[in-house]
PDB file of N, CA and C in Angstrom:
ATOM      1  N   MET A   1      -2.880   9.307  18.774  1.00  0.00           N
ATOM      2  CA  MET A   1      -2.851   9.658  17.646  1.00  0.00           C
ATOM      3  C   MET A   1      -2.445   9.083  17.130  1.00  0.00           C
ATOM      4  N   HIS A   2      -2.568   8.737  15.288  1.00  0.00           N
ATOM      5  CA  HIS A   2      -3.052   8.843  14.097  1.00  0.00           C
ATOM      6  C   HIS A   2      -2.062   8.381  13.172  1.00  0.00           C
ATOM      7  N   ARG A   3      -1.594   8.392  11.649  1.00  0.00           N
ATOM      8  CA  ARG A   3      -0.577   8.695  11.020  1.00  0.00           C
ATOM      9  C   ARG A   3      -1.589   9.234  10.451  1.00  0.00           C
ATOM     10  N   ILE A   4      -1.343  10.888   9.410  1.00  0.00           N
ATOM     11  CA  ILE A   4      -2.491  10.835   7.919  1.00  0.00           C
ATOM     12  C   ILE A   4      -2.021  11.293   7.538  1.00  0.00           C
ATOM     13  N   LEU A   5      -2.631  11.272   6.056  1.00  0.00           N
ATOM     14  CA  LEU A   5      -1.814  11.680   5.247  1.00  0.00           C
ATOM     15  C   LEU A   5      -3.532  12.498   4.270  1.00  0.00           C
ATOM     16  N   VAL A   6      -2.676  13.729   4.119  1.00  0.00           N
ATOM     17  CA  VAL A   6      -3.593  15.089   3.258  1.00  0.00           C
ATOM     18  C   VAL A   6      -3.111  15.173   1.513  1.00  0.00           C
ATOM     19  N   VAL A   7      -3.657  14.751   0.946  1.00  0.00           N
ATOM     20  CA  VAL A   7      -3.716  14.755  -0.834  1.00  0.00           C
ATOM     21  C   VAL A   7      -4.301  16.260  -1.200  1.00  0.00           C
ATOM     22  N   ASP A   8      -4.098  16.792  -1.371  1.00  0.00           N
ATOM     23  CA  ASP A   8      -4.715  18.556  -1.742  1.00  0.00           C
ATOM     24  C   ASP A   8      -3.501  19.423  -3.085  1.00  0.00           C
ATOM     25  N   ASP A   9      -3.877  19.391  -4.517  1.00  0.00           N
ATOM     26  CA  ASP A   9      -3.466  20.150  -5.309  1.00  0.00           C
ATOM     27  C   ASP A   9      -3.046  21.633  -4.660  1.00  0.00           C
ATOM     28  N   ASN A  10      -4.198  22.399  -3.765  1.00  0.00           N
ATOM     29  CA  ASN A  10      -3.792  23.703  -3.165  1.00  0.00           C
ATOM     30  C   ASN A  10      -2.675  23.515  -1.689  1.00  0.00           C
ATOM     31  N   PHE A  11      -1.892  23.816  -2.096  1.00  0.00           N
ATOM     32  CA  PHE A  11      -0.584  23.798  -1.508  1.00  0.00           C
ATOM     33  C   PHE A  11      -1.616  24.840  -0.179  1.00  0.00           C
ATOM     34  N   ASP A  12      -1.727  25.690  -0.343  1.00  0.00           N
ATOM     35  CA  ASP A  12      -2.048  26.418   1.326  1.00  0.00           C
ATOM     36  C   ASP A  12      -3.820  25.385   1.592  1.00  0.00           C
ATOM     37  N   VAL A  13      -4.231  24.631   1.089  1.00  0.00           N
ATOM     38  CA  VAL A  13      -5.651  24.022   2.434  1.00  0.00           C
ATOM     39  C   VAL A  13      -4.478  22.729   2.595  1.00  0.00           C
ATOM     40  N   ALA A  14      -3.433  22.282   1.458  1.00  0.00           N
ATOM     41  CA  ALA A  14      -2.843  20.887   2.574  1.00  0.00           C
ATOM     42  C   ALA A  14      -1.946  21.543   3.740  1.00  0.00           C
ATOM     43  N   ARG A  15      -1.334  22.051   3.546  1.00  0.00           N
ATOM     44  CA  ARG A  15      -0.877  23.223   4.730  1.00  0.00           C
ATOM     45  C   ARG A  15      -1.755  23.611   6.135  1.00  0.00           C
ATOM     46  N   GLN A  16      -3.062  23.589   5.864  1.00  0.00           N
ATOM     47  CA  GLN A  16      -3.915  24.101   6.959  1.00  0.00           C
ATOM     48  C   GLN A  16      -3.661  23.127   7.386  1.00  0.00           C
ATOM     49  N   PHE A  17      -4.443  21.830   6.696  1.00  0.00           N
ATOM     50  CA  PHE A  17      -4.544  20.643   7.216  1.00  0.00           C
ATOM     51  C   PHE A  17      -3.347  20.148   8.388  1.00  0.00           C
ATOM     52  N   TYR A  18      -2.043  19.762   7.459  1.00  0.00           N
ATOM     53  CA  TYR A  18      -1.018  19.507   8.261  1.00  0.00           C
ATOM     54  C   TYR A  18      -0.955  19.943   9.689  1.00  0.00           C
ATOM     55  N   VAL A  19      -0.953  21.294   8.998  1.00  0.00           N
ATOM     56  CA  VAL A  19      -0.489  22.276  10.799  1.00  0.00           C
ATOM     57  C   VAL A  19      -1.303  21.726  11.383  1.00  0.00           C
ATOM     58  N   ALA A  20      -2.468  22.112  11.610  1.00  0.00           N
ATOM     59  CA  ALA A  20      -3.807  22.319  12.317  1.00  0.00           C
ATOM     60  C   ALA A  20      -3.600  20.306  12.987  1.00  0.00           C
ATOM     61  N   LEU A  21      -3.497  19.182  12.095  1.00  0.00           N
ATOM     62  CA  LEU A  21      -3.720  18.587  12.600  1.00  0.00           C
ATOM     63  C   LEU A  21      -2.455  17.808  13.177  1.00  0.00           C
ATOM     64  N   ARG A  22      -0.870  18.143  12.849  1.00  0.00           N
ATOM     65  CA  ARG A  22      -0.297  18.664  13.766  1.00  0.00           C
ATOM     66  C   ARG A  22      -0.287  19.273  15.488  1.00  0.00           C
ATOM     67  N   GLY A  23      -1.442  20.307  15.255  1.00  0.00           N
ATOM     68  CA  GLY A  23      -0.703  20.209  16.447  1.00  0.00           C
ATOM     69  C   GLY A  23      -2.224  19.435  17.556  1.00  0.00           C
ATOM     70  N   ALA A  24      -2.930  19.016  16.827  1.00  0.00           N
ATOM     71  CA  ALA A  24      -3.337  18.407  17.764  1.00  0.00           C
ATOM     72  C   ALA A  24      -3.260  16.353  17.627  1.00  0.00           C
ATOM     73  N   GLY A  25      -1.828  16.313  17.406  1.00  0.00           N
ATOM     74  CA  GLY A  25      -1.208  15.431  18.337  1.00  0.00           C
ATOM     75  C   GLY A  25      -0.581  14.353  17.149  1.00  0.00           C
ATOM     76  N   HIS A  26      -1.117  14.065  15.878  1.00  0.00           N
ATOM     77  CA  HIS A  26      -1.140  13.928  15.200  1.00  0.00           C
ATOM     78  C   HIS A  26       0.292  13.778  14.115  1.00  0.00           C
ATOM     79  N   GLU A  27       0.423  12.218  13.483  1.00  0.00           N
ATOM     80  CA  GLU A  27       1.456  12.027  12.492  1.00  0.00           C
ATOM     81  C   GLU A  27       0.869  12.794  11.568  1.00  0.00           C
ATOM     82  N   ALA A  28       1.352  13.769  10.589  1.00  0.00           N
ATOM     83  CA  ALA A  28       0.835  14.028   9.200  1.00  0.00           C
ATOM     84  C   ALA A  28       1.882  14.247   8.191  1.00  0.00           C
ATOM     85  N   GLU A  29       1.757  14.543   7.334  1.00  0.00           N
ATOM     86  CA  GLU A  29       2.406  14.226   6.096  1.00  0.00           C
ATOM     87  C   GLU A  29       0.984  15.128   4.537  1.00  0.00           C
ATOM     88  N   PHE A  30       1.803  15.713   4.034  1.00  0.00           N
ATOM     89  CA  PHE A  30       1.252  16.097   3.137  1.00  0.00           C
ATOM     90  C   PHE A  30       1.801  16.335   1.235  1.00  0.00           C
ATOM     91  N   ALA A  31       0.605  16.219   0.372  1.00  0.00           N
ATOM     92  CA  ALA A  31       0.979  15.682  -0.596  1.00  0.00           C
ATOM     93  C   ALA A  31       0.213  16.726  -1.222  1.00  0.00           C
ATOM     94  N   VAL A  32       0.456  17.017  -3.012  1.00  0.00           N
ATOM     95  CA  VAL A  32       0.061  18.074  -3.394  1.00  0.00           C
ATOM     96  C   VAL A  32      -0.202  17.406  -4.645  1.00  0.00           C
ATOM     97  N   ASN A  33       0.045  16.111  -5.212  1.00  0.00           N
ATOM     98  CA  ASN A  33      -0.237  15.424  -6.454  1.00  0.00           C
ATOM     99  C   ASN A  33      -0.016  14.360  -5.839  1.00  0.00           C
ATOM    100  N   GLY A  34      -0.264  13.139  -7.108  1.00  0.00           N
ATOM    101  CA  GLY A  34      -0.857  11.877  -6.516  1.00  0.00           C
ATOM    102  C   GLY A  34       0.332  11.303  -6.725  1.00  0.00           C
ATOM    103  N   TYR A  35       1.525  11.020  -7.422  1.00  0.00           N
ATOM    104  CA  TYR A  35       2.737  10.518  -7.534  1.00  0.00           C
ATOM    105  C   TYR A  35       3.366  11.279  -6.391  1.00  0.00           C
ATOM    106  N   ALA A  36       3.135  12.203  -5.273  1.00  0.00           N
ATOM    107  CA  ALA A  36       3.708  12.602  -4.435  1.00  0.00           C
ATOM    108  C   ALA A  36       3.040  12.197  -2.874  1.00  0.00           C
ATOM    109  N   ALA A  37       2.116  11.352  -3.371  1.00  0.00           N
ATOM    110  CA  ALA A  37       0.911  11.223  -2.092  1.00  0.00           C
ATOM    111  C   ALA A  37       0.558   9.298  -2.430  1.00  0.00           C
ATOM    112  N   ILE A  38       1.605   8.752  -3.577  1.00  0.00           N
ATOM    113  CA  ILE A  38       1.501   7.451  -3.410  1.00  0.00           C
ATOM    114  C   ILE A  38       3.052   6.881  -2.439  1.00  0.00           C
ATOM    115  N   GLU A  39       4.457   7.892  -2.872  1.00  0.00           N
ATOM    116  CA  GLU A  39       5.207   7.795  -2.010  1.00  0.00           C
ATOM    117  C   GLU A  39       5.388   8.460  -0.871  1.00  0.00           C
ATOM    118  N   ALA A  40       4.807   9.538   0.064  1.00  0.00           N
ATOM    119  CA  ALA A  40       4.513   9.759   0.989  1.00  0.00           C
ATOM    120  C   ALA A  40       3.781   8.344   2.027  1.00  0.00           C
ATOM    121  N   ALA A  41       2.620   7.386   1.036  1.00  0.00           N
ATOM    122  CA  ALA A  41       1.730   6.562   1.660  1.00  0.00           C
ATOM    123  C   ALA A  41       2.667   5.348   2.038  1.00  0.00           C
ATOM    124  N   ARG A  42       3.387   4.780   1.039  1.00  0.00           N
ATOM    125  CA  ARG A  42       4.385   4.068   1.235  1.00  0.00           C
ATOM    126  C   ARG A  42       4.892   4.115   2.183  1.00  0.00           C
ATOM    127  N   ARG A  43       5.560   5.287   2.474  1.00  0.00           N
ATOM    128  CA  ARG A  43       6.824   5.467   3.895  1.00  0.00           C
ATOM    129  C   ARG A  43       5.722   6.252   5.059  1.00  0.00           C
ATOM    130  N   LEU A  44       4.950   5.943   5.324  1.00  0.00           N
ATOM    131  CA  LEU A  44       4.055   7.203   6.599  1.00  0.00           C
ATOM    132  C   LEU A  44       3.314   6.230   6.843  1.00  0.00           C
ATOM    133  N   ARG A  45       2.135   5.136   6.111  1.00  0.00           N
ATOM    134  CA  ARG A  45       1.618   4.492   6.090  1.00  0.00           C
ATOM    135  C   ARG A  45       0.438   4.496   7.088  1.00  0.00           C
ATOM    136  N   PRO A  46      -0.684   5.449   6.685  1.00  0.00           N
ATOM    137  CA  PRO A  46      -1.448   6.347   6.701  1.00  0.00           C
ATOM    138  C   PRO A  46      -2.292   5.373   7.482  1.00  0.00           C
ATOM    139  N   ASP A  47      -3.168   6.051   8.672  1.00  0.00           N
ATOM    140  CA  ASP A  47      -4.330   5.487   9.492  1.00  0.00           C
ATOM    141  C   ASP A  47      -5.419   6.023   8.845  1.00  0.00           C
ATOM    142  N   VAL A  48      -4.957   7.393   8.351  1.00  0.00           N
ATOM    143  CA  VAL A  48      -6.052   7.803   7.532  1.00  0.00           C
ATOM    144  C   VAL A  48      -6.071   9.068   6.319  1.00  0.00           C
ATOM    145  N   VAL A  49      -6.646   9.100   5.348  1.00  0.00           N
ATOM    146  CA  VAL A  49      -6.412   9.674   4.584  1.00  0.00           C
ATOM    147  C   VAL A  49      -7.203  10.645   3.693  1.00  0.00           C
ATOM    148  N   LEU A  50      -6.697  11.856   3.318  1.00  0.00           N
ATOM    149  CA  LEU A  50      -7.511  12.823   3.075  1.00  0.00           C
ATOM    150  C   LEU A  50      -7.404  13.693   1.946  1.00  0.00           C
ATOM    151  N   LEU A  51      -8.612  12.891   0.828  1.00  0.00           N
ATOM    152  CA  LEU A  51      -7.484  12.811  -0.189  1.00  0.00           C
ATOM    153  C   LEU A  51      -8.696  13.941  -1.287  1.00  0.00           C
ATOM    154  N   ASP A  52      -8.690  15.076  -1.390  1.00  0.00           N
ATOM    155  CA  ASP A  52      -8.878  15.695  -3.029  1.00  0.00           C
ATOM    156  C   ASP A  52      -9.216  14.950  -3.871  1.00  0.00           C
ATOM    157  N   ILE A  53     -10.568  15.069  -4.345  1.00  0.00           N
ATOM    158  CA  ILE A  53     -10.873  14.599  -5.677  1.00  0.00           C
ATOM    159  C   ILE A  53      -9.947  14.904  -6.965  1.00  0.00           C
ATOM    160  N   GLY A  54      -9.911  16.478  -6.676  1.00  0.00           N
ATOM    161  CA  GLY A  54      -9.660  17.328  -7.895  1.00  0.00           C
ATOM    162  C   GLY A  54      -8.201  17.170  -8.187  1.00  0.00           C
ATOM    163  N   LEU A  55      -7.226  16.243  -8.970  1.00  0.00           N
ATOM    164  CA  LEU A  55      -5.956  16.436  -8.450  1.00  0.00           C
ATOM    165  C   LEU A  55      -5.057  16.211 -10.282  1.00  0.00           C
ATOM    166  N   PRO A  56      -3.975  17.223 -10.128  1.00  0.00           N
ATOM    167  CA  PRO A  56      -3.998  17.658 -11.666  1.00  0.00           C
ATOM    168  C   PRO A  56      -3.093  15.849 -12.203  1.00  0.00           C
ATOM    169  N   ASP A  57      -2.627  15.511 -12.017  1.00  0.00           N
ATOM    170  CA  ASP A  57      -2.079  13.924 -12.632  1.00  0.00           C
ATOM    171  C   ASP A  57      -2.588  13.231 -12.366  1.00  0.00           C
ATOM    172  N   PHE A  58      -3.805  12.905 -10.878  1.00  0.00           N
ATOM    173  CA  PHE A  58      -4.288  11.628 -11.270  1.00  0.00           C
ATOM    174  C   PHE A  58      -5.933  12.030 -11.037  1.00  0.00           C
ATOM    175  N   ASP A  59      -7.168  10.955 -10.874  1.00  0.00           N
ATOM    176  CA  ASP A  59      -8.172  11.059 -11.597  1.00  0.00           C
ATOM    177  C   ASP A  59      -7.825  11.041  -9.104  1.00  0.00           C
ATOM    178  N   GLY A  60      -8.968  11.182  -8.818  1.00  0.00           N
ATOM    179  CA  GLY A  60      -9.112  10.695  -7.220  1.00  0.00           C
ATOM    180  C   GLY A  60      -9.323   9.566  -7.211  1.00  0.00           C
ATOM    181  N   PHE A  61     -10.407   9.003  -7.740  1.00  0.00           N
ATOM    182  CA  PHE A  61     -10.902   8.516  -7.224  1.00  0.00           C
ATOM    183  C   PHE A  61      -9.939   7.279  -7.626  1.00  0.00           C
ATOM    184  N   GLN A  62      -8.773   7.165  -8.694  1.00  0.00           N
ATOM    185  CA  GLN A  62      -8.367   6.282  -9.117  1.00  0.00           C
ATOM    186  C   GLN A  62      -7.247   6.490  -8.337  1.00  0.00           C
ATOM    187  N   LEU A  63      -6.765   7.406  -7.363  1.00  0.00           N
ATOM    188  CA  LEU A  63      -5.882   8.039  -6.361  1.00  0.00           C
ATOM    189  C   LEU A  63      -6.054   6.473  -5.239  1.00  0.00           C
ATOM    190  N   ALA A  64      -7.516   6.367  -5.013  1.00  0.00           N
ATOM    191  CA  ALA A  64      -8.156   6.051  -3.618  1.00  0.00           C
ATOM    192  C   ALA A  64      -7.873   4.270  -4.237  1.00  0.00           C
ATOM    193  N   ARG A  65      -8.175   3.850  -5.420  1.00  0.00           N
ATOM    194  CA  ARG A  65      -7.914   2.260  -5.681  1.00  0.00           C
ATOM    195  C   ARG A  65      -6.509   1.950  -5.886  1.00  0.00           C
ATOM    196  N   VAL A  66      -5.882   2.987  -5.804  1.00  0.00           N
ATOM    197  CA  VAL A  66      -4.245   2.575  -5.530  1.00  0.00           C
ATOM    198  C   VAL A  66      -3.415   2.530  -4.480  1.00  0.00           C
ATOM    199  N   LEU A  67      -4.114   3.587  -4.083  1.00  0.00           N
ATOM    200  CA  LEU A  67      -3.620   4.095  -2.099  1.00  0.00           C
ATOM    201  C   LEU A  67      -4.365   2.010  -1.732  1.00  0.00           C
ATOM    202  N   ARG A  68      -5.466   1.860  -1.834  1.00  0.00           N
ATOM    203  CA  ARG A  68      -5.941   0.673  -1.517  1.00  0.00           C
ATOM    204  C   ARG A  68      -4.387  -0.526  -1.274  1.00  0.00           C
ATOM    205  N   GLY A  69      -3.424  -0.953  -2.686  1.00  0.00           N
ATOM    206  CA  GLY A  69      -3.285  -1.452  -3.659  1.00  0.00           C
ATOM    207  C   GLY A  69      -1.784  -1.227  -2.024  1.00  0.00           C
ATOM    208  N   VAL A  70      -1.640  -0.243  -1.865  1.00  0.00           N
ATOM    209  CA  VAL A  70      -0.254  -0.330  -1.360  1.00  0.00           C
ATOM    210  C   VAL A  70      -0.642  -0.800   0.577  1.00  0.00           C
ATOM    211  N   PRO A  71       0.690  -1.957   0.295  1.00  0.00           N
ATOM    212  CA  PRO A  71       0.821  -2.421   1.092  1.00  0.00           C
ATOM    213  C   PRO A  71       0.680  -1.588   2.653  1.00  0.00           C
ATOM    214  N   GLY A  72       0.236  -2.218   3.291  1.00  0.00           N
ATOM    215  CA  GLY A  72      -0.807  -2.055   5.395  1.00  0.00           C
ATOM    216  C   GLY A  72      -1.624  -0.743   4.885  1.00  0.00           C
ATOM    217  N   LEU A  73      -2.131   0.006   3.568  1.00  0.00           N
ATOM    218  CA  LEU A  73      -2.938   0.986   2.912  1.00  0.00           C
ATOM    219  C   LEU A  73      -4.390  -0.145   3.329  1.00  0.00           C
ATOM    220  N   GLU A  74      -4.892  -1.231   2.981  1.00  0.00           N
ATOM    221  CA  GLU A  74      -6.008  -1.772   3.050  1.00  0.00           C
ATOM    222  C   GLU A  74      -7.317  -1.642   3.581  1.00  0.00           C
ATOM    223  N   ARG A  75      -6.224  -1.379   5.326  1.00  0.00           N
ATOM    224  CA  ARG A  75      -7.246  -0.884   6.271  1.00  0.00           C
ATOM    225  C   ARG A  75      -7.543   0.993   6.533  1.00  0.00           C
ATOM    226  N   ALA A  76      -6.513   0.940   6.107  1.00  0.00           N
ATOM    227  CA  ALA A  76      -6.834   3.120   5.828  1.00  0.00           C
ATOM    228  C   ALA A  76      -8.147   3.266   5.879  1.00  0.00           C
ATOM    229  N   ARG A  77      -8.316   4.387   6.320  1.00  0.00           N
ATOM    230  CA  ARG A  77      -9.681   5.176   6.291  1.00  0.00           C
ATOM    231  C   ARG A  77      -9.087   6.563   5.638  1.00  0.00           C
ATOM    232  N   ILE A  78     -10.349   5.658   4.329  1.00  0.00           N
ATOM    233  CA  ILE A  78      -9.715   7.602   3.210  1.00  0.00           C
ATOM    234  C   ILE A  78     -11.339   7.968   3.004  1.00  0.00           C
ATOM    235  N   PHE A  79     -11.188   9.473   3.367  1.00  0.00           N
ATOM    236  CA  PHE A  79     -11.950  10.574   3.271  1.00  0.00           C
ATOM    237  C   PHE A  79     -11.902  11.071   1.766  1.00  0.00           C
ATOM    238  N   ALA A  80     -12.422  11.419   1.063  1.00  0.00           N
ATOM    239  CA  ALA A  80     -12.865  12.250  -0.060  1.00  0.00           C
ATOM    240  C   ALA A  80     -13.648  13.200   0.090  1.00  0.00           C
ATOM    241  N   ILE A  81     -12.397  14.479  -0.173  1.00  0.00           N
ATOM    242  CA  ILE A  81     -12.598  15.786  -0.334  1.00  0.00           C
ATOM    243  C   ILE A  81     -12.997  16.714  -1.622  1.00  0.00           C
ATOM    244  N   SER A  82     -13.856  17.136  -1.356  1.00  0.00           N
ATOM    245  CA  SER A  82     -13.791  17.890  -3.445  1.00  0.00           C
ATOM    246  C   SER A  82     -14.958  18.938  -3.040  1.00  0.00           C
ATOM    247  N   GLY A  83     -14.982  19.943  -4.136  1.00  0.00           N
ATOM    248  CA  GLY A  83     -15.268  21.530  -4.438  1.00  0.00           C
ATOM    249  C   GLY A  83     -16.772  21.207  -5.016  1.00  0.00           C
ATOM    250  N   ARG A  84     -16.540  19.658  -5.353  1.00  0.00           N
ATOM    251  CA  ARG A  84     -17.653  19.536  -6.292  1.00  0.00           C
ATOM    252  C   ARG A  84     -18.982  19.038  -5.690  1.00  0.00           C
ATOM    253  N   GLY A  85     -19.873  18.945  -5.798  1.00  0.00           N
ATOM    254  CA  GLY A  85     -21.046  17.756  -5.022  1.00  0.00           C
ATOM    255  C   GLY A  85     -22.088  17.351  -5.514  1.00  0.00           C
ATOM    256  N   LYS A  86     -21.667  16.676  -6.954  1.00  0.00           N
ATOM    257  CA  LYS A  86     -22.346  15.768  -7.496  1.00  0.00           C
ATOM    258  C   LYS A  86     -22.891  14.167  -6.544  1.00  0.00           C
ATOM    259  N   ALA A  87     -23.855  14.161  -7.122  1.00  0.00           N
ATOM    260  CA  ALA A  87     -24.309  12.601  -6.498  1.00  0.00           C
ATOM    261  C   ALA A  87     -23.327  11.613  -7.259  1.00  0.00           C
ATOM    262  N   GLU A  88     -23.196  11.423  -8.401  1.00  0.00           N
ATOM    263  CA  GLU A  88     -21.976  11.046  -8.982  1.00  0.00           C
ATOM    264  C   GLU A  88     -20.607  10.596  -7.988  1.00  0.00           C
ATOM    265  N   ASP A  89     -20.251  11.551  -7.922  1.00  0.00           N
ATOM    266  CA  ASP A  89     -18.933  12.196  -7.159  1.00  0.00           C
ATOM    267  C   ASP A  89     -18.509  10.665  -5.982  1.00  0.00           C
ATOM    268  N   ARG A  90     -19.758  11.225  -5.368  1.00  0.00           N
ATOM    269  CA  ARG A  90     -20.325  10.699  -3.704  1.00  0.00           C
ATOM    270  C   ARG A  90     -20.025   8.897  -4.172  1.00  0.00           C
ATOM    271  N   TRP A  91     -20.694   9.070  -5.002  1.00  0.00           N
ATOM    272  CA  TRP A  91     -20.997   7.284  -5.129  1.00  0.00           C
ATOM    273  C   TRP A  91     -19.815   6.873  -5.794  1.00  0.00           C
ATOM    274  N   ARG A  92     -18.981   7.639  -6.609  1.00  0.00           N
ATOM    275  CA  ARG A  92     -17.537   7.009  -7.088  1.00  0.00           C
ATOM    276  C   ARG A  92     -16.892   7.227  -5.983  1.00  0.00           C
ATOM    277  N   ALA A  93     -16.754   7.538  -5.227  1.00  0.00           N
ATOM    278  CA  ALA A  93     -15.922   7.275  -4.523  1.00  0.00           C
ATOM    279  C   ALA A  93     -15.927   6.762  -3.155  1.00  0.00           C
ATOM    280  N   LEU A  94     -18.122   6.870  -3.077  1.00  0.00           N
ATOM    281  CA  LEU A  94     -17.299   4.965  -2.057  1.00  0.00           C
ATOM    282  C   LEU A  94     -17.249   4.030  -3.124  1.00  0.00           C
ATOM    283  N   GLN A  95     -17.596   4.155  -4.239  1.00  0.00           N
ATOM    284  CA  GLN A  95     -17.152   2.607  -4.841  1.00  0.00           C
ATOM    285  C   GLN A  95     -15.394   2.425  -5.369  1.00  0.00           C
ATOM    286  N   ALA A  96     -14.832   3.684  -5.020  1.00  0.00           N
ATOM    287  CA  ALA A  96     -13.236   3.507  -5.265  1.00  0.00           C
ATOM    288  C   ALA A  96     -12.385   3.443  -3.664  1.00  0.00           C
ATOM    289  N   GLY A  97     -13.594   2.896  -2.844  1.00  0.00           N
ATOM    290  CA  GLY A  97     -12.199   2.728  -1.374  1.00  0.00           C
ATOM    291  C   GLY A  97     -12.926   3.801  -0.634  1.00  0.00           C
ATOM    292  N   CYS A  98     -13.576   5.204  -0.793  1.00  0.00           N
ATOM    293  CA  CYS A  98     -13.271   6.549   0.186  1.00  0.00           C
ATOM    294  C   CYS A  98     -14.710   5.299   1.413  1.00  0.00           C
ATOM    295  N   GLU A  99     -14.045   5.556   2.473  1.00  0.00           N
ATOM    296  CA  GLU A  99     -15.169   5.691   3.454  1.00  0.00           C
ATOM    297  C   GLU A  99     -16.167   7.086   3.906  1.00  0.00           C
ATOM    298  N   ASP A 100     -15.784   8.172   3.023  1.00  0.00           N
ATOM    299  CA  ASP A 100     -16.812   9.110   3.401  1.00  0.00           C
ATOM    300  C   ASP A 100     -16.765   9.993   2.191  1.00  0.00           C
ATOM    301  N   PHE A 101     -17.910  10.952   1.808  1.00  0.00           N
ATOM    302  CA  PHE A 101     -17.462  12.106   0.718  1.00  0.00           C
ATOM    303  C   PHE A 101     -17.712  13.778   1.614  1.00  0.00           C
ATOM    304  N   MET A 102     -17.167  14.195   1.195  1.00  0.00           N
ATOM    305  CA  MET A 102     -17.454  16.071   2.035  1.00  0.00           C
ATOM    306  C   MET A 102     -17.024  16.926   1.275  1.00  0.00           C
ATOM    307  N   LEU A 103     -17.518  17.405   1.430  1.00  0.00           N
ATOM    308  CA  LEU A 103     -17.188  19.451   0.342  1.00  0.00           C
ATOM    309  C   LEU A 103     -17.000  19.934   1.024  1.00  0.00           C
ATOM    310  N   LYS A 104     -15.924  20.515   0.194  1.00  0.00           N
ATOM    311  CA  LYS A 104     -15.178  21.329   0.799  1.00  0.00           C
ATOM    312  C   LYS A 104     -16.164  23.232   0.538  1.00  0.00           C
ATOM    313  N   PRO A 105     -15.585  23.733   1.741  1.00  0.00           N
ATOM    314  CA  PRO A 105     -14.468  23.457   2.629  1.00  0.00           C
ATOM    315  C   PRO A 105     -14.668  22.797   3.444  1.00  0.00           C
ATOM    316  N   VAL A 106     -13.813  22.087   4.145  1.00  0.00           N
ATOM    317  CA  VAL A 106     -14.355  21.149   5.524  1.00  0.00           C
ATOM    318  C   VAL A 106     -13.314  22.032   6.830  1.00  0.00           C
ATOM    319  N   ASP A 107     -14.053  22.050   7.542  1.00  0.00           N
ATOM    320  CA  ASP A 107     -13.521  22.183   8.856  1.00  0.00           C
ATOM    321  C   ASP A 107     -12.031  21.456   9.352  1.00  0.00           C
ATOM    322  N   PRO A 108     -11.549  21.580   9.833  1.00  0.00           N
ATOM    323  CA  PRO A 108     -10.827  20.948  10.416  1.00  0.00           C
ATOM    324  C   PRO A 108     -11.301  20.032  11.498  1.00  0.00           C
ATOM    325  N   GLU A 109     -12.095  20.269  12.652  1.00  0.00           N
ATOM    326  CA  GLU A 109     -12.912  19.990  13.811  1.00  0.00           C
ATOM    327  C   GLU A 109     -13.738  18.929  12.892  1.00  0.00           C
ATOM    328  N   GLN A 110     -14.284  19.134  11.842  1.00  0.00           N
ATOM    329  CA  GLN A 110     -15.289  17.797  11.207  1.00  0.00           C
ATOM    330  C   GLN A 110     -13.785  16.912  10.505  1.00  0.00           C
ATOM    331  N   ILE A 111     -12.939  17.274  10.863  1.00  0.00           N
ATOM    332  CA  ILE A 111     -11.864  15.999  10.574  1.00  0.00           C
ATOM    333  C   ILE A 111     -11.556  15.456  11.553  1.00  0.00           C
ATOM    334  N   GLU A 112     -11.409  15.958  12.621  1.00  0.00           N
ATOM    335  CA  GLU A 112     -11.093  15.065  13.708  1.00  0.00           C
ATOM    336  C   GLU A 112     -12.113  14.951  14.329  1.00  0.00           C
ATOM    337  N   ARG A 113     -12.789  15.316  13.993  1.00  0.00           N
ATOM    338  CA  ARG A 113     -14.094  14.249  14.880  1.00  0.00           C
ATOM    339  C   ARG A 113     -14.159  12.775  14.162  1.00  0.00           C
ATOM    340  N   LEU A 114     -14.553  12.652  12.559  1.00  0.00           N
ATOM    341  CA  LEU A 114     -14.575  12.139  12.248  1.00  0.00           C
ATOM    342  C   LEU A 114     -12.853  10.778  12.061  1.00  0.00           C
ATOM    343  N   ILE A 115     -12.399  11.271  12.418  1.00  0.00           N
ATOM    344  CA  ILE A 115     -11.066  10.787  12.894  1.00  0.00           C
ATOM    345  C   ILE A 115     -11.414  10.104  14.146  1.00  0.00           C
ATOM    346  N   ALA A 116     -11.558  10.859  14.758  1.00  0.00           N
ATOM    347  CA  ALA A 116     -12.003   9.883  16.459  1.00  0.00           C
ATOM    348  C   ALA A 116     -13.093   9.217  16.686  1.00  0.00           C
ATOM    349  N   LEU A 117     -13.767   9.272  15.628  1.00  0.00           N
ATOM    350  CA  LEU A 117     -15.158   7.888  15.425  1.00  0.00           C
ATOM    351  C   LEU A 117     -14.478   6.604  15.006  1.00  0.00           C
ATOM    352  N   GLY A 118     -13.354   6.396  14.656  1.00  0.00           N
ATOM    353  CA  GLY A 118     -12.446   5.250  13.696  1.00  0.00           C
ATOM    354  C   GLY A 118     -11.999   4.618  14.739  1.00  0.00           C
TER     355      GLY A 118
END
């Protein structure tokens, strides 16, 4: 079991991941903006963060850096998720401390496989 934080401004997408992850036996929370993500990260101390890059209040790359500074998240695995597939976005995600970059739509089973690898 892992502690997983899902950050996506699309409530339906965030909830879909949340339900799938809880159903797989993980402890999970979701946030629909950057400020809520920071608070949830402080409370949950997730092992894994699924981070949408296109948030309304935060640049997702900036948020990845902020999350890296939250005590207890230094070793968290952060996976950037975006609807944009530019090579620059992938590079920026990796530079911000994300472990990988995935394009939407992402299959929850793909997420489960990535989590199992860590």
